[in-house]
Amino acid sequence: MLKDILKILEHDARTTPKQLAAMTGVPQAEVTRLIKQAQEDRTILKYKTIVNWDMVEDEHVWALIEVKLTPEKDVGFDSMAERIYRFPQAHTVYLISGSYDLFVLVVGKSNHEIADFVSQKLSHIEGVKETVTQFVLKRYKEDGEIVEGKEEVKRQPVML
């Protein structure tokens, strides 16, 4: 029952406890209790709004940075990842497999601001061996939402 509530909220965080109760068959008071508990135990981390910044003419530059690290003794990558995710420019940080160790999504106001972040902050962290920065040219879909254009409703024709 909690899993059903979480799936609905993940799709649309504006869904009210009353709507969730109707959709899941769980009493509204129980829905409210489950949500509160999930917030307290950090199952629900945050409620998020996805903004198409191009629509409000506010410049945002996105960069995908792959980072190669030398792991620290006894703690591996965790403490280095923490140093990186504490920077406000680091929007998302993942430990990944492959040629690089971390994937960092950085958001800034200009290419220059991101370049400064990489050259003056990220590259100076002890243990950072190499970075590769790729700038996002266009966002098509983010967190399951189509950013560019409108999502078409795909329906089968009904024969009467």
Protein backbone atom coordinates (compact mmCIF):
# COMPACT_ATOMS: atom_id res chain seq x y z
CA MET A 1 0.00 0.00 0.00
CA LEU A 2 2.86 2.46 0.76
CA LYS A 3 4.53 1.50 -2.52
CA ASP A 4 1.35 2.41 -4.44
CA ILE A 5 1.17 5.79 -2.69
CA LEU A 6 4.85 6.48 -3.41
CA LYS A 7 4.46 5.63 -7.11
CA ILE A 8 1.57 8.07 -7.43
CA LEU A 9 3.44 10.82 -5.56
CA GLU A 10 6.57 10.23 -7.63
CA HIS A 11 4.50 10.81 -10.77
CA ASP A 12 2.65 13.84 -9.37
CA ALA A 13 3.65 15.21 -5.95
CA ARG A 14 0.58 17.48 -5.96
CA THR A 15 -1.74 14.51 -5.42
CA THR A 16 -3.60 15.15 -2.17
CA PRO A 17 -4.13 12.57 0.60
CA LYS A 18 -7.86 12.60 -0.30
CA GLN A 19 -7.04 11.77 -3.92
CA LEU A 20 -4.51 9.14 -2.85
CA ALA A 21 -7.13 7.52 -0.61
CA ALA A 22 -9.60 7.36 -3.49
CA MET A 23 -6.97 5.96 -5.86
CA THR A 24 -5.61 3.30 -3.49
CA GLY A 25 -8.60 2.43 -1.32
CA VAL A 26 -6.56 3.27 1.80
CA PRO A 27 -8.34 5.49 4.36
CA GLN A 28 -7.24 9.14 4.14
CA ALA A 29 -5.99 9.22 7.75
CA GLU A 30 -3.79 6.19 7.03
CA VAL A 31 -2.47 7.80 3.82
CA THR A 32 -1.54 10.92 5.79
CA ARG A 33 0.17 8.81 8.46
CA LEU A 34 2.12 6.79 5.88
CA ILE A 35 3.30 9.93 4.08
CA LYS A 36 4.39 11.56 7.34
CA GLN A 37 6.31 8.42 8.34
CA ALA A 38 7.94 8.21 4.89
CA GLN A 39 9.09 11.83 5.23
CA GLU A 40 10.48 11.24 8.70
CA ASP A 41 12.43 8.10 7.77
CA ARG A 42 13.67 9.72 4.51
CA THR A 43 11.86 7.32 2.20
CA ILE A 44 10.43 10.53 0.70
CA LEU A 45 13.43 12.81 0.31
CA LYS A 46 11.88 15.81 -1.42
CA TYR A 47 8.97 17.00 -3.50
CA LYS A 48 10.14 18.31 -6.85
CA THR A 49 8.95 20.63 -9.58
CA ILE A 50 10.44 20.24 -13.04
CA VAL A 51 10.79 23.66 -14.67
CA ASN A 52 11.33 24.31 -18.36
CA TRP A 53 13.60 27.33 -17.82
CA ASP A 54 13.55 28.14 -21.53
CA MET A 55 9.91 29.18 -21.08
CA VAL A 56 10.83 31.88 -18.54
CA GLU A 57 13.92 33.06 -20.41
CA ASP A 58 16.23 32.33 -17.48
CA GLU A 59 19.57 31.06 -18.75
CA HIS A 60 20.69 27.74 -17.31
CA VAL A 61 23.64 25.76 -18.61
CA TRP A 62 23.84 22.07 -17.79
CA ALA A 63 27.02 20.02 -17.91
CA LEU A 64 27.65 16.32 -17.43
CA ILE A 65 31.02 15.73 -15.79
CA GLU A 66 32.67 12.35 -15.49
CA VAL A 67 35.25 12.22 -12.72
CA LYS A 68 38.05 9.68 -12.27
CA LEU A 69 39.20 9.34 -8.66
CA THR A 70 41.84 7.65 -6.59
CA PRO A 71 39.84 6.01 -3.78
CA GLU A 72 40.84 6.83 -0.21
CA LYS A 73 42.00 4.09 2.11
CA ASP A 74 39.24 2.65 4.35
CA VAL A 75 36.47 4.91 2.92
CA GLY A 76 36.72 4.39 -0.85
CA PHE A 77 34.85 7.00 -2.87
CA ASP A 78 32.31 8.12 -0.27
CA SER A 79 34.20 10.98 1.36
CA MET A 80 35.34 12.35 -2.00
CA ALA A 81 31.81 12.13 -3.36
CA GLU A 82 30.60 14.03 -0.28
CA ARG A 83 33.12 16.82 -0.89
CA ILE A 84 31.81 17.12 -4.43
CA TYR A 85 28.07 16.91 -3.68
CA ARG A 86 28.41 19.64 -1.03
CA PHE A 87 29.15 22.19 -3.78
CA PRO A 88 25.94 24.05 -4.70
CA GLN A 89 26.77 23.67 -8.40
CA ALA A 90 26.60 19.86 -8.13
CA HIS A 91 22.97 19.14 -8.93
CA THR A 92 23.31 15.34 -9.01
CA VAL A 93 26.20 13.00 -8.12
CA TYR A 94 26.30 9.27 -8.87
CA LEU A 95 28.93 6.58 -8.30
CA ILE A 96 29.12 4.75 -11.63
CA SER A 97 30.82 1.76 -13.19
CA GLY A 98 33.07 1.98 -16.22
CA SER A 99 36.01 4.19 -17.11
CA TYR A 100 35.07 6.92 -14.61
CA ASP A 101 33.99 6.75 -10.99
CA LEU A 102 31.54 9.63 -10.52
CA PHE A 103 28.97 11.24 -12.75
CA VAL A 104 28.24 14.83 -11.74
CA LEU A 105 25.43 16.92 -13.21
CA VAL A 106 26.30 20.59 -12.78
CA VAL A 107 23.99 23.54 -13.39
CA GLY A 108 25.29 27.08 -13.85
CA LYS A 109 24.42 30.40 -15.45
CA SER A 110 27.06 30.14 -18.20
CA ASN A 111 29.66 27.83 -19.73
CA HIS A 112 32.29 30.03 -18.12
CA GLU A 113 30.78 29.53 -14.64
CA ILE A 114 30.85 25.76 -15.10
CA ALA A 115 34.40 25.86 -16.47
CA ASP A 116 35.47 27.86 -13.40
CA PHE A 117 33.82 25.29 -11.12
CA VAL A 118 35.70 22.43 -12.81
CA SER A 119 39.07 24.18 -13.00
CA GLN A 120 39.07 26.02 -9.67
CA LYS A 121 37.14 23.70 -7.36
CA LEU A 122 36.60 20.19 -8.69
CA SER A 123 40.06 19.61 -10.15
CA HIS A 124 41.74 20.82 -6.93
CA ILE A 125 40.17 18.12 -4.76
CA GLU A 126 42.85 15.68 -3.68
CA GLY A 127 42.26 12.36 -5.40
CA VAL A 128 40.58 13.78 -8.51
CA LYS A 129 42.70 12.35 -11.33
CA GLU A 130 40.73 13.36 -14.40
CA THR A 131 37.50 14.98 -15.52
CA VAL A 132 35.58 15.04 -18.78
CA THR A 133 33.00 17.80 -19.19
CA GLN A 134 30.17 17.62 -21.70
CA PHE A 135 27.74 20.50 -22.07
CA VAL A 136 24.06 19.75 -22.57
CA LEU A 137 22.88 21.35 -25.80
CA LYS A 138 19.18 20.55 -25.49
CA ARG A 139 17.00 18.77 -22.95
CA TYR A 140 14.31 16.55 -24.44
CA LYS A 141 13.11 14.64 -21.40
CA GLU A 142 13.85 14.98 -17.69
CA ASP A 143 12.65 12.79 -14.82
CA GLY A 144 10.11 11.17 -17.14
CA GLU A 145 8.70 14.49 -18.38
CA ILE A 146 9.06 15.67 -21.96
CA VAL A 147 10.67 19.12 -21.81
CA GLU A 148 10.71 20.07 -25.50
CA GLY A 149 7.37 19.95 -27.33
CA LYS A 150 4.16 18.35 -26.18
CA GLU A 151 3.65 14.75 -25.23
CA GLU A 152 1.26 13.07 -27.64
CA VAL A 153 -1.50 10.92 -26.27
CA LYS A 154 -1.28 7.56 -28.02
CA ARG A 155 -4.74 6.02 -28.25
CA GLN A 156 -6.08 3.26 -30.39
CA PRO A 157 -8.90 4.33 -32.71
CA VAL A 158 -12.31 3.20 -31.53
CA MET A 159 -14.55 1.60 -34.12
CA LEU A 160 -18.28 2.10 -33.56
